[in-house]
Each structure stands twice: as C-alpha cells, then as structure tokens.
N, C-alpha and C. Protein backbone atom coordinates (compact mmCIF):
# COMPACT_ATOMS: atom_id res chain seq x y z
N MET A 1 -38.84 -49.86 -84.44
CA MET A 1 -39.71 -50.19 -83.34
C MET A 1 -40.53 -51.40 -83.74
N ARG A 2 -40.72 -52.32 -82.81
CA ARG A 2 -41.56 -53.49 -83.11
C ARG A 2 -43.03 -53.08 -83.07
N SER A 3 -43.85 -53.83 -83.77
CA SER A 3 -45.28 -53.51 -83.76
C SER A 3 -45.86 -53.79 -82.38
N LEU A 4 -46.84 -53.00 -82.02
CA LEU A 4 -47.47 -53.10 -80.72
C LEU A 4 -48.94 -53.46 -80.85
N THR A 5 -49.43 -54.18 -79.87
CA THR A 5 -50.85 -54.50 -79.82
C THR A 5 -51.55 -53.45 -78.95
N GLU A 6 -52.86 -53.45 -79.01
CA GLU A 6 -53.63 -52.54 -78.16
C GLU A 6 -53.32 -52.80 -76.69
N ARG A 7 -53.18 -54.05 -76.34
CA ARG A 7 -52.87 -54.40 -74.94
C ARG A 7 -51.49 -53.87 -74.53
N ASP A 8 -50.49 -54.06 -75.42
CA ASP A 8 -49.14 -53.52 -75.14
C ASP A 8 -49.22 -52.02 -74.87
N ILE A 9 -49.98 -51.33 -75.71
CA ILE A 9 -50.09 -49.88 -75.61
C ILE A 9 -50.74 -49.48 -74.29
N ARG A 10 -51.87 -50.08 -73.98
CA ARG A 10 -52.59 -49.71 -72.75
C ARG A 10 -51.77 -50.00 -71.50
N ASN A 11 -50.99 -51.08 -71.51
CA ASN A 11 -50.17 -51.44 -70.34
C ASN A 11 -48.89 -50.63 -70.22
N SER A 12 -48.57 -49.83 -71.23
CA SER A 12 -47.27 -49.13 -71.25
C SER A 12 -47.28 -47.77 -70.55
N PHE A 13 -48.44 -47.21 -70.25
CA PHE A 13 -48.50 -45.83 -69.78
C PHE A 13 -47.95 -45.68 -68.36
N ILE A 14 -47.07 -44.69 -68.21
CA ILE A 14 -46.40 -44.46 -66.93
C ILE A 14 -46.94 -43.27 -66.17
N ASN A 15 -47.73 -42.42 -66.83
CA ASN A 15 -48.16 -41.19 -66.15
C ASN A 15 -49.68 -41.04 -66.11
N CYS A 16 -50.38 -42.14 -66.12
CA CYS A 16 -51.82 -42.10 -65.92
C CYS A 16 -52.25 -43.39 -65.25
N SER A 17 -53.44 -43.39 -64.70
CA SER A 17 -53.93 -44.57 -64.00
C SER A 17 -54.28 -45.67 -65.00
N LYS A 18 -54.43 -46.88 -64.49
CA LYS A 18 -54.84 -48.00 -65.35
C LYS A 18 -56.22 -47.74 -65.94
N GLY A 19 -57.09 -47.11 -65.16
CA GLY A 19 -58.42 -46.77 -65.66
C GLY A 19 -58.36 -45.77 -66.80
N GLU A 20 -57.51 -44.75 -66.66
CA GLU A 20 -57.34 -43.77 -67.73
C GLU A 20 -56.78 -44.44 -68.98
N ALA A 21 -55.79 -45.31 -68.78
CA ALA A 21 -55.20 -46.01 -69.92
C ALA A 21 -56.22 -46.91 -70.61
N LYS A 22 -57.10 -47.50 -69.84
CA LYS A 22 -58.12 -48.38 -70.40
C LYS A 22 -59.13 -47.59 -71.24
N ARG A 23 -59.39 -46.34 -70.86
CA ARG A 23 -60.38 -45.52 -71.56
C ARG A 23 -59.84 -44.74 -72.76
N LEU A 24 -58.53 -44.61 -72.87
CA LEU A 24 -58.00 -43.77 -73.95
C LEU A 24 -58.22 -44.42 -75.31
N ALA A 25 -58.32 -43.59 -76.33
CA ALA A 25 -58.57 -44.05 -77.70
C ALA A 25 -57.25 -44.51 -78.32
N VAL A 26 -57.18 -45.79 -78.64
CA VAL A 26 -56.00 -46.36 -79.30
C VAL A 26 -56.28 -46.38 -80.80
N PRO A 27 -55.28 -46.06 -81.63
CA PRO A 27 -55.52 -46.08 -83.08
C PRO A 27 -56.01 -47.45 -83.54
N ARG A 28 -56.94 -47.42 -84.45
CA ARG A 28 -57.51 -48.67 -84.98
C ARG A 28 -56.67 -49.26 -86.12
N ASP A 29 -55.74 -48.47 -86.64
CA ASP A 29 -54.95 -48.90 -87.80
C ASP A 29 -53.56 -49.40 -87.42
N LEU A 30 -53.42 -50.05 -86.28
CA LEU A 30 -52.10 -50.49 -85.82
C LEU A 30 -51.43 -51.42 -86.83
N ASP A 31 -52.20 -52.26 -87.52
CA ASP A 31 -51.62 -53.19 -88.50
C ASP A 31 -51.07 -52.47 -89.72
N GLU A 32 -51.51 -51.24 -89.96
CA GLU A 32 -51.10 -50.49 -91.14
C GLU A 32 -49.97 -49.51 -90.85
N ARG A 33 -49.54 -49.39 -89.62
CA ARG A 33 -48.49 -48.43 -89.27
C ARG A 33 -47.13 -48.89 -89.82
N PRO A 34 -46.29 -47.95 -90.24
CA PRO A 34 -44.96 -48.31 -90.77
C PRO A 34 -43.96 -48.53 -89.61
N TRP A 35 -44.13 -49.61 -88.87
CA TRP A 35 -43.39 -49.84 -87.63
C TRP A 35 -41.87 -49.74 -87.81
N ASP A 36 -41.35 -50.20 -88.94
CA ASP A 36 -39.90 -50.15 -89.16
C ASP A 36 -39.38 -48.72 -89.25
N ASP A 37 -40.25 -47.78 -89.58
CA ASP A 37 -39.86 -46.38 -89.71
C ASP A 37 -40.21 -45.54 -88.49
N LEU A 38 -40.72 -46.16 -87.43
CA LEU A 38 -41.15 -45.40 -86.26
C LEU A 38 -40.19 -45.57 -85.09
N ASP A 39 -39.82 -44.44 -84.50
CA ASP A 39 -39.08 -44.44 -83.24
C ASP A 39 -40.07 -44.42 -82.09
N PHE A 40 -41.25 -43.93 -82.36
CA PHE A 40 -42.35 -43.94 -81.39
C PHE A 40 -43.67 -43.89 -82.15
N LEU A 41 -44.70 -44.40 -81.52
CA LEU A 41 -46.05 -44.31 -82.05
C LEU A 41 -46.70 -43.12 -81.35
N GLY A 42 -47.10 -42.14 -82.12
CA GLY A 42 -47.75 -40.97 -81.56
C GLY A 42 -49.08 -40.73 -82.24
N TRP A 43 -50.09 -40.34 -81.47
CA TRP A 43 -51.39 -40.04 -82.06
C TRP A 43 -52.14 -39.06 -81.18
N ARG A 44 -53.04 -38.35 -81.82
CA ARG A 44 -53.92 -37.43 -81.11
C ARG A 44 -55.25 -38.13 -80.89
N ASP A 45 -55.88 -37.82 -79.79
CA ASP A 45 -57.14 -38.44 -79.42
C ASP A 45 -58.27 -37.72 -80.17
N PRO A 46 -58.97 -38.41 -81.08
CA PRO A 46 -60.02 -37.75 -81.84
C PRO A 46 -61.19 -37.29 -80.98
N GLY A 47 -61.39 -37.92 -79.82
CA GLY A 47 -62.50 -37.54 -78.95
C GLY A 47 -62.16 -36.44 -77.96
N ALA A 48 -60.88 -36.13 -77.84
CA ALA A 48 -60.43 -35.09 -76.92
C ALA A 48 -59.36 -34.27 -77.64
N PRO A 49 -59.75 -33.18 -78.27
CA PRO A 49 -58.84 -32.44 -79.14
C PRO A 49 -57.60 -31.88 -78.47
N ASP A 50 -57.53 -31.86 -77.14
CA ASP A 50 -56.34 -31.34 -76.47
C ASP A 50 -55.45 -32.46 -75.92
N ARG A 51 -55.71 -33.70 -76.34
CA ARG A 51 -54.94 -34.83 -75.81
C ARG A 51 -54.24 -35.58 -76.92
N ALA A 52 -53.07 -36.08 -76.57
CA ALA A 52 -52.28 -36.90 -77.48
C ALA A 52 -51.61 -37.99 -76.64
N HIS A 53 -51.07 -38.98 -77.33
CA HIS A 53 -50.41 -40.08 -76.65
C HIS A 53 -49.18 -40.48 -77.44
N LEU A 54 -48.21 -41.00 -76.73
CA LEU A 54 -46.96 -41.38 -77.35
C LEU A 54 -46.48 -42.66 -76.68
N VAL A 55 -46.07 -43.65 -77.48
CA VAL A 55 -45.52 -44.90 -76.95
C VAL A 55 -44.23 -45.19 -77.71
N THR A 56 -43.18 -45.48 -76.98
CA THR A 56 -41.90 -45.84 -77.58
C THR A 56 -41.40 -47.12 -76.92
N GLU A 57 -40.30 -47.60 -77.42
CA GLU A 57 -39.68 -48.78 -76.83
C GLU A 57 -38.39 -48.34 -76.15
N ARG A 58 -38.22 -48.73 -74.91
CA ARG A 58 -37.01 -48.41 -74.18
C ARG A 58 -36.58 -49.64 -73.39
N ASP A 59 -35.36 -50.05 -73.60
CA ASP A 59 -34.84 -51.26 -72.95
C ASP A 59 -35.73 -52.46 -73.24
N GLY A 60 -36.25 -52.54 -74.47
CA GLY A 60 -37.05 -53.67 -74.90
C GLY A 60 -38.48 -53.67 -74.42
N GLU A 61 -38.89 -52.64 -73.71
CA GLU A 61 -40.26 -52.57 -73.17
C GLU A 61 -40.96 -51.32 -73.69
N PRO A 62 -42.26 -51.42 -73.99
CA PRO A 62 -42.99 -50.23 -74.40
C PRO A 62 -43.20 -49.27 -73.22
N VAL A 63 -43.03 -47.99 -73.48
CA VAL A 63 -43.23 -46.95 -72.48
C VAL A 63 -44.15 -45.90 -73.11
N GLY A 64 -45.28 -45.66 -72.47
CA GLY A 64 -46.25 -44.71 -73.00
C GLY A 64 -46.46 -43.54 -72.08
N VAL A 65 -46.77 -42.39 -72.68
CA VAL A 65 -47.10 -41.21 -71.89
C VAL A 65 -48.34 -40.54 -72.48
N ALA A 66 -49.19 -40.07 -71.59
CA ALA A 66 -50.36 -39.29 -71.97
C ALA A 66 -49.93 -37.83 -72.01
N LEU A 67 -50.33 -37.13 -73.04
CA LEU A 67 -49.92 -35.74 -73.26
C LEU A 67 -51.14 -34.85 -73.40
N ARG A 68 -50.97 -33.61 -73.02
CA ARG A 68 -51.93 -32.56 -73.36
C ARG A 68 -51.16 -31.59 -74.24
N PHE A 69 -51.86 -30.97 -75.16
CA PHE A 69 -51.12 -30.04 -76.01
C PHE A 69 -51.90 -28.78 -76.28
N THR A 70 -51.11 -27.77 -76.55
CA THR A 70 -51.63 -26.46 -76.91
C THR A 70 -50.85 -26.03 -78.14
N PRO A 71 -51.52 -25.75 -79.24
CA PRO A 71 -50.78 -25.27 -80.42
C PRO A 71 -49.97 -24.03 -80.08
N ALA A 72 -48.75 -23.98 -80.59
CA ALA A 72 -47.87 -22.84 -80.33
C ALA A 72 -48.49 -21.59 -80.93
N ARG A 73 -48.46 -20.52 -80.16
CA ARG A 73 -49.01 -19.24 -80.64
C ARG A 73 -47.99 -18.14 -80.41
N ARG A 74 -46.92 -18.25 -81.09
CA ARG A 74 -45.88 -17.23 -80.96
C ARG A 74 -46.19 -16.10 -81.93
N ALA A 75 -46.53 -14.98 -81.38
CA ALA A 75 -47.00 -13.86 -82.20
C ALA A 75 -45.97 -13.40 -83.23
N LEU A 76 -44.71 -13.38 -82.85
CA LEU A 76 -43.69 -12.84 -83.75
C LEU A 76 -43.08 -13.90 -84.66
N MET A 77 -43.27 -15.15 -84.33
CA MET A 77 -42.61 -16.20 -85.11
C MET A 77 -43.56 -16.78 -86.14
N GLN A 78 -43.11 -16.85 -87.35
CA GLN A 78 -43.90 -17.45 -88.41
C GLN A 78 -43.66 -18.96 -88.47
N ARG A 79 -42.54 -19.42 -87.95
CA ARG A 79 -42.20 -20.83 -87.97
C ARG A 79 -41.82 -21.28 -86.57
N SER A 80 -42.00 -22.57 -86.34
CA SER A 80 -41.61 -23.15 -85.06
C SER A 80 -40.78 -24.39 -85.35
N LEU A 81 -39.96 -24.77 -84.38
CA LEU A 81 -39.05 -25.89 -84.53
C LEU A 81 -39.38 -26.96 -83.51
N CYS A 82 -39.53 -28.19 -83.98
CA CYS A 82 -39.77 -29.32 -83.09
C CYS A 82 -38.49 -29.62 -82.32
N ALA A 83 -38.60 -29.75 -81.00
CA ALA A 83 -37.43 -30.01 -80.16
C ALA A 83 -36.98 -31.47 -80.24
N LEU A 84 -37.81 -32.35 -80.78
CA LEU A 84 -37.41 -33.76 -80.92
C LEU A 84 -36.62 -34.00 -82.20
N CYS A 85 -37.23 -33.64 -83.33
CA CYS A 85 -36.63 -33.99 -84.62
C CYS A 85 -36.02 -32.81 -85.36
N LEU A 86 -36.17 -31.61 -84.82
CA LEU A 86 -35.64 -30.38 -85.42
C LEU A 86 -36.22 -30.09 -86.80
N THR A 87 -37.49 -30.40 -86.97
CA THR A 87 -38.19 -30.05 -88.20
C THR A 87 -38.86 -28.70 -88.00
N SER A 88 -38.73 -27.84 -89.00
CA SER A 88 -39.35 -26.51 -88.97
C SER A 88 -40.73 -26.60 -89.59
N HIS A 89 -41.70 -26.01 -88.92
CA HIS A 89 -43.09 -26.02 -89.39
C HIS A 89 -43.63 -24.59 -89.39
N PRO A 90 -44.59 -24.33 -90.26
CA PRO A 90 -45.28 -23.03 -90.18
C PRO A 90 -46.15 -23.02 -88.94
N ARG A 91 -46.74 -21.88 -88.66
CA ARG A 91 -47.58 -21.70 -87.48
C ARG A 91 -48.59 -22.86 -87.35
N GLY A 92 -48.66 -23.42 -86.14
CA GLY A 92 -49.58 -24.51 -85.86
C GLY A 92 -49.00 -25.90 -86.07
N GLY A 93 -47.85 -26.00 -86.70
CA GLY A 93 -47.24 -27.31 -86.96
C GLY A 93 -46.46 -27.86 -85.79
N VAL A 94 -46.20 -27.01 -84.79
CA VAL A 94 -45.50 -27.42 -83.57
C VAL A 94 -46.37 -27.00 -82.40
N SER A 95 -46.50 -27.89 -81.43
CA SER A 95 -47.32 -27.62 -80.25
C SER A 95 -46.54 -27.95 -78.99
N LEU A 96 -46.87 -27.25 -77.93
CA LEU A 96 -46.30 -27.58 -76.63
C LEU A 96 -47.05 -28.79 -76.10
N MET A 97 -46.33 -29.90 -75.97
CA MET A 97 -46.90 -31.13 -75.43
C MET A 97 -46.47 -31.23 -73.97
N THR A 98 -47.43 -31.34 -73.07
CA THR A 98 -47.10 -31.46 -71.65
C THR A 98 -47.55 -32.82 -71.14
N ALA A 99 -46.74 -33.34 -70.23
CA ALA A 99 -47.04 -34.64 -69.63
C ALA A 99 -46.98 -34.52 -68.12
N ARG A 100 -47.96 -35.08 -67.47
CA ARG A 100 -47.96 -35.13 -66.02
C ARG A 100 -46.80 -36.01 -65.58
N LYS A 101 -46.09 -35.58 -64.55
CA LYS A 101 -44.98 -36.37 -64.04
C LYS A 101 -45.51 -37.61 -63.33
N THR A 102 -44.65 -38.59 -63.16
CA THR A 102 -45.04 -39.82 -62.46
C THR A 102 -44.92 -39.62 -60.95
N GLY A 103 -45.53 -40.50 -60.20
CA GLY A 103 -45.39 -40.53 -58.74
C GLY A 103 -46.03 -39.36 -58.04
N ALA A 104 -45.42 -39.03 -56.88
CA ALA A 104 -45.96 -37.98 -56.03
C ALA A 104 -45.98 -36.63 -56.74
N ALA A 105 -44.95 -36.35 -57.52
CA ALA A 105 -44.89 -35.07 -58.23
C ALA A 105 -46.08 -34.93 -59.18
N GLY A 106 -46.44 -35.99 -59.87
CA GLY A 106 -47.58 -35.95 -60.78
C GLY A 106 -48.89 -35.80 -60.03
N ARG A 107 -49.00 -36.46 -58.88
CA ARG A 107 -50.22 -36.33 -58.08
C ARG A 107 -50.37 -34.92 -57.54
N GLN A 108 -49.27 -34.19 -57.40
CA GLN A 108 -49.31 -32.79 -56.96
C GLN A 108 -49.57 -31.84 -58.12
N GLY A 109 -49.69 -32.39 -59.33
CA GLY A 109 -49.99 -31.56 -60.49
C GLY A 109 -48.79 -31.10 -61.29
N ASN A 110 -47.60 -31.60 -60.98
CA ASN A 110 -46.41 -31.19 -61.71
C ASN A 110 -46.35 -31.85 -63.08
N SER A 111 -45.87 -31.10 -64.05
CA SER A 111 -45.76 -31.63 -65.41
C SER A 111 -44.51 -31.07 -66.07
N VAL A 112 -44.15 -31.65 -67.19
CA VAL A 112 -43.03 -31.17 -68.01
C VAL A 112 -43.55 -31.04 -69.44
N GLY A 113 -42.91 -30.20 -70.21
CA GLY A 113 -43.37 -29.98 -71.58
C GLY A 113 -42.23 -29.92 -72.57
N LEU A 114 -42.58 -30.12 -73.83
CA LEU A 114 -41.62 -30.08 -74.93
C LEU A 114 -42.37 -29.68 -76.19
N TYR A 115 -41.77 -28.82 -77.00
CA TYR A 115 -42.38 -28.46 -78.28
C TYR A 115 -42.12 -29.59 -79.27
N MET A 116 -43.22 -30.15 -79.81
CA MET A 116 -43.14 -31.28 -80.73
C MET A 116 -44.00 -31.02 -81.97
N CYS A 117 -43.72 -31.79 -83.03
CA CYS A 117 -44.57 -31.76 -84.22
C CYS A 117 -46.00 -32.08 -83.78
N THR A 118 -46.94 -31.24 -84.14
CA THR A 118 -48.33 -31.43 -83.74
C THR A 118 -48.89 -32.76 -84.21
N ASP A 119 -48.43 -33.23 -85.37
CA ASP A 119 -48.93 -34.51 -85.89
C ASP A 119 -48.15 -35.71 -85.36
N LEU A 120 -47.14 -35.46 -84.52
CA LEU A 120 -46.32 -36.51 -83.91
C LEU A 120 -45.69 -37.45 -84.94
N ALA A 121 -45.33 -36.92 -86.09
CA ALA A 121 -44.73 -37.71 -87.17
C ALA A 121 -43.22 -37.50 -87.27
N CYS A 122 -42.58 -37.19 -86.17
CA CYS A 122 -41.14 -36.90 -86.16
C CYS A 122 -40.33 -37.98 -86.86
N SER A 123 -40.63 -39.24 -86.57
CA SER A 123 -39.88 -40.36 -87.16
C SER A 123 -39.91 -40.32 -88.68
N LEU A 124 -41.06 -39.98 -89.22
CA LEU A 124 -41.22 -39.95 -90.68
C LEU A 124 -40.53 -38.73 -91.29
N TYR A 125 -40.53 -37.60 -90.59
CA TYR A 125 -39.82 -36.42 -91.07
C TYR A 125 -38.32 -36.67 -91.13
N VAL A 126 -37.77 -37.27 -90.08
CA VAL A 126 -36.33 -37.52 -90.02
C VAL A 126 -35.90 -38.44 -91.16
N ARG A 127 -36.73 -39.40 -91.49
CA ARG A 127 -36.40 -40.38 -92.53
C ARG A 127 -36.77 -39.90 -93.94
N GLY A 128 -37.36 -38.72 -94.05
CA GLY A 128 -37.75 -38.21 -95.36
C GLY A 128 -38.97 -38.90 -95.93
N LYS A 129 -39.73 -39.62 -95.10
CA LYS A 129 -40.94 -40.33 -95.55
C LYS A 129 -42.14 -39.39 -95.57
N LYS A 130 -42.01 -38.28 -94.88
CA LYS A 130 -43.07 -37.28 -94.85
C LYS A 130 -42.40 -35.91 -94.91
N VAL A 131 -43.02 -35.01 -95.64
CA VAL A 131 -42.50 -33.64 -95.79
C VAL A 131 -43.46 -32.70 -95.08
N PRO A 132 -42.95 -31.82 -94.21
CA PRO A 132 -43.86 -30.90 -93.52
C PRO A 132 -44.51 -29.94 -94.51
N GLU A 133 -45.81 -29.71 -94.29
CA GLU A 133 -46.54 -28.79 -95.14
C GLU A 133 -45.99 -27.38 -94.97
N ASN A 134 -45.47 -26.84 -96.05
CA ASN A 134 -44.87 -25.49 -96.04
C ASN A 134 -43.76 -25.33 -95.01
N GLY A 135 -43.21 -26.41 -94.54
CA GLY A 135 -42.11 -26.36 -93.59
C GLY A 135 -40.86 -26.94 -94.25
N THR A 136 -39.82 -27.06 -93.46
CA THR A 136 -38.57 -27.56 -94.03
C THR A 136 -37.84 -28.43 -93.02
N ARG A 137 -36.99 -29.25 -93.56
CA ARG A 137 -35.99 -29.95 -92.75
C ARG A 137 -34.68 -29.28 -93.09
N PHE A 138 -33.95 -28.90 -92.09
CA PHE A 138 -32.67 -28.28 -92.34
C PHE A 138 -31.71 -29.30 -92.94
N GLU A 139 -30.89 -28.84 -93.87
CA GLU A 139 -29.87 -29.72 -94.41
C GLU A 139 -28.79 -29.85 -93.34
N GLU A 140 -28.50 -31.07 -92.96
CA GLU A 140 -27.56 -31.31 -91.87
C GLU A 140 -26.38 -32.14 -92.35
N SER A 141 -25.28 -32.03 -91.63
CA SER A 141 -24.12 -32.86 -91.94
C SER A 141 -24.24 -34.23 -91.27
N LEU A 142 -25.19 -34.37 -90.35
CA LEU A 142 -25.40 -35.66 -89.70
C LEU A 142 -26.05 -36.64 -90.68
N THR A 143 -25.69 -37.91 -90.55
CA THR A 143 -26.34 -38.94 -91.36
C THR A 143 -27.76 -39.14 -90.85
N GLU A 144 -28.58 -39.84 -91.62
CA GLU A 144 -29.94 -40.14 -91.18
C GLU A 144 -29.90 -40.93 -89.87
N GLU A 145 -29.00 -41.90 -89.77
CA GLU A 145 -28.89 -42.69 -88.54
C GLU A 145 -28.55 -41.82 -87.34
N GLU A 146 -27.67 -40.85 -87.53
CA GLU A 146 -27.31 -39.94 -86.43
C GLU A 146 -28.48 -39.04 -86.06
N GLN A 147 -29.27 -38.62 -87.05
CA GLN A 147 -30.44 -37.81 -86.76
C GLN A 147 -31.49 -38.62 -86.01
N ILE A 148 -31.64 -39.89 -86.37
CA ILE A 148 -32.57 -40.78 -85.66
C ILE A 148 -32.10 -40.96 -84.22
N ALA A 149 -30.80 -41.16 -84.03
CA ALA A 149 -30.25 -41.32 -82.68
C ALA A 149 -30.47 -40.06 -81.85
N ARG A 150 -30.33 -38.89 -82.46
CA ARG A 150 -30.55 -37.63 -81.75
C ARG A 150 -32.02 -37.50 -81.36
N THR A 151 -32.92 -37.83 -82.27
CA THR A 151 -34.36 -37.75 -81.98
C THR A 151 -34.71 -38.68 -80.82
N THR A 152 -34.19 -39.90 -80.86
CA THR A 152 -34.43 -40.87 -79.79
C THR A 152 -33.86 -40.37 -78.47
N ALA A 153 -32.65 -39.82 -78.50
CA ALA A 153 -32.04 -39.28 -77.28
C ALA A 153 -32.88 -38.14 -76.72
N ASN A 154 -33.39 -37.27 -77.58
CA ASN A 154 -34.25 -36.17 -77.12
C ASN A 154 -35.53 -36.71 -76.49
N LEU A 155 -36.11 -37.75 -77.10
CA LEU A 155 -37.32 -38.36 -76.56
C LEU A 155 -37.04 -39.01 -75.21
N PHE A 156 -35.95 -39.74 -75.09
CA PHE A 156 -35.62 -40.39 -73.83
C PHE A 156 -35.33 -39.37 -72.73
N ALA A 157 -34.72 -38.24 -73.08
CA ALA A 157 -34.49 -37.18 -72.10
C ALA A 157 -35.82 -36.63 -71.60
N PHE A 158 -36.80 -36.49 -72.49
CA PHE A 158 -38.14 -36.05 -72.10
C PHE A 158 -38.78 -37.07 -71.16
N LEU A 159 -38.68 -38.36 -71.50
CA LEU A 159 -39.22 -39.41 -70.64
C LEU A 159 -38.55 -39.39 -69.26
N ASP A 160 -37.24 -39.14 -69.23
CA ASP A 160 -36.52 -39.07 -67.94
C ASP A 160 -37.06 -37.93 -67.07
N LYS A 161 -37.39 -36.81 -67.71
CA LYS A 161 -37.95 -35.68 -66.96
C LYS A 161 -39.34 -36.02 -66.41
N ILE A 162 -40.10 -36.79 -67.16
CA ILE A 162 -41.43 -37.20 -66.69
C ILE A 162 -41.29 -38.10 -65.47
N ARG A 163 -40.28 -38.94 -65.47
CA ARG A 163 -40.07 -39.88 -64.35
C ARG A 163 -39.34 -39.25 -63.18
N ALA A 164 -38.71 -38.11 -63.36
CA ALA A 164 -37.90 -37.50 -62.29
C ALA A 164 -38.77 -36.97 -61.17
C-alpha cells in the first residue's frame, strides 16, 4: 500500500459525512507506518473507545470506512478467529466490527459486520511481522502471497457489502 496523507485519509471515507470524516482522529504517526507491509491502515479512535477506522487502496484510490466495534464475548469459546486474516486470538483479540452501509440503506440505519483482529494488524500477522499475544497463526499450505491475496479479497468483499 502506498503511504497516505491525512488529507487522503479524510477524503477516502465512503460511509460517513464529510463533517464526520473531518472530525475523526487520524493517526499522528503516518510517517512511521510500515506502508510496504500494509494491505490497509487500521486504527482505533483513542477518543471514542467503540470506534475504529480502516483505509485501503482499491483500483488505485484510497477507500475508507468508519467502524464501530464490540469485543467478542463468546461465553463458550476461549479463542476467536479473524475473518480477514484467519489469525486465532484469545478472548478479546477479535471484535465484531460493524460499518454503516452507504447511500439510502445507511441512512436507514443498515450496517454490515465482520469479526476482525481488534488491533486491526491483520497485514502484519499475515506477514509474520507481528505475533498475536497468546494466539496463533495456523500453519497453512498457502504461500504468504496467497494469504495476503486472501486477506485482501476478504476485505474487498466486506467493502462490497458496505456499498451494496
């Protein structure tokens, strides 16, 4: 992914108003991010503990979505699996991220959700740059490039549902 500026990020959001995008907290460490290792930039809003944001590149353009999240609370499950990168985490490491749909459906309150790594570090887990705390990455027969392609395909499918 190419590096993004604050302006790129704010202009990329598809499921919130321009005013909401203008007010959201953008990470201050954009120059320090490992852009070559990121399929998307994801961060949680420090001022709003139930909000997160995600920006990726699709067809050469940045696409951002505003998310709300709730930590997974599965009583019987000790571990949860991220639906994007297939990383297993202990309790609390995966959260249901929901995004308001675009257009009329979003204005009516419709949303879609996906279980994702709570820290939104899927790109780093897939590449082995980050290891989940007390979690695991399954040993797969897919190459790293194939796992990256699968993660990106899962992300794009989520974006398609937001736009549907």
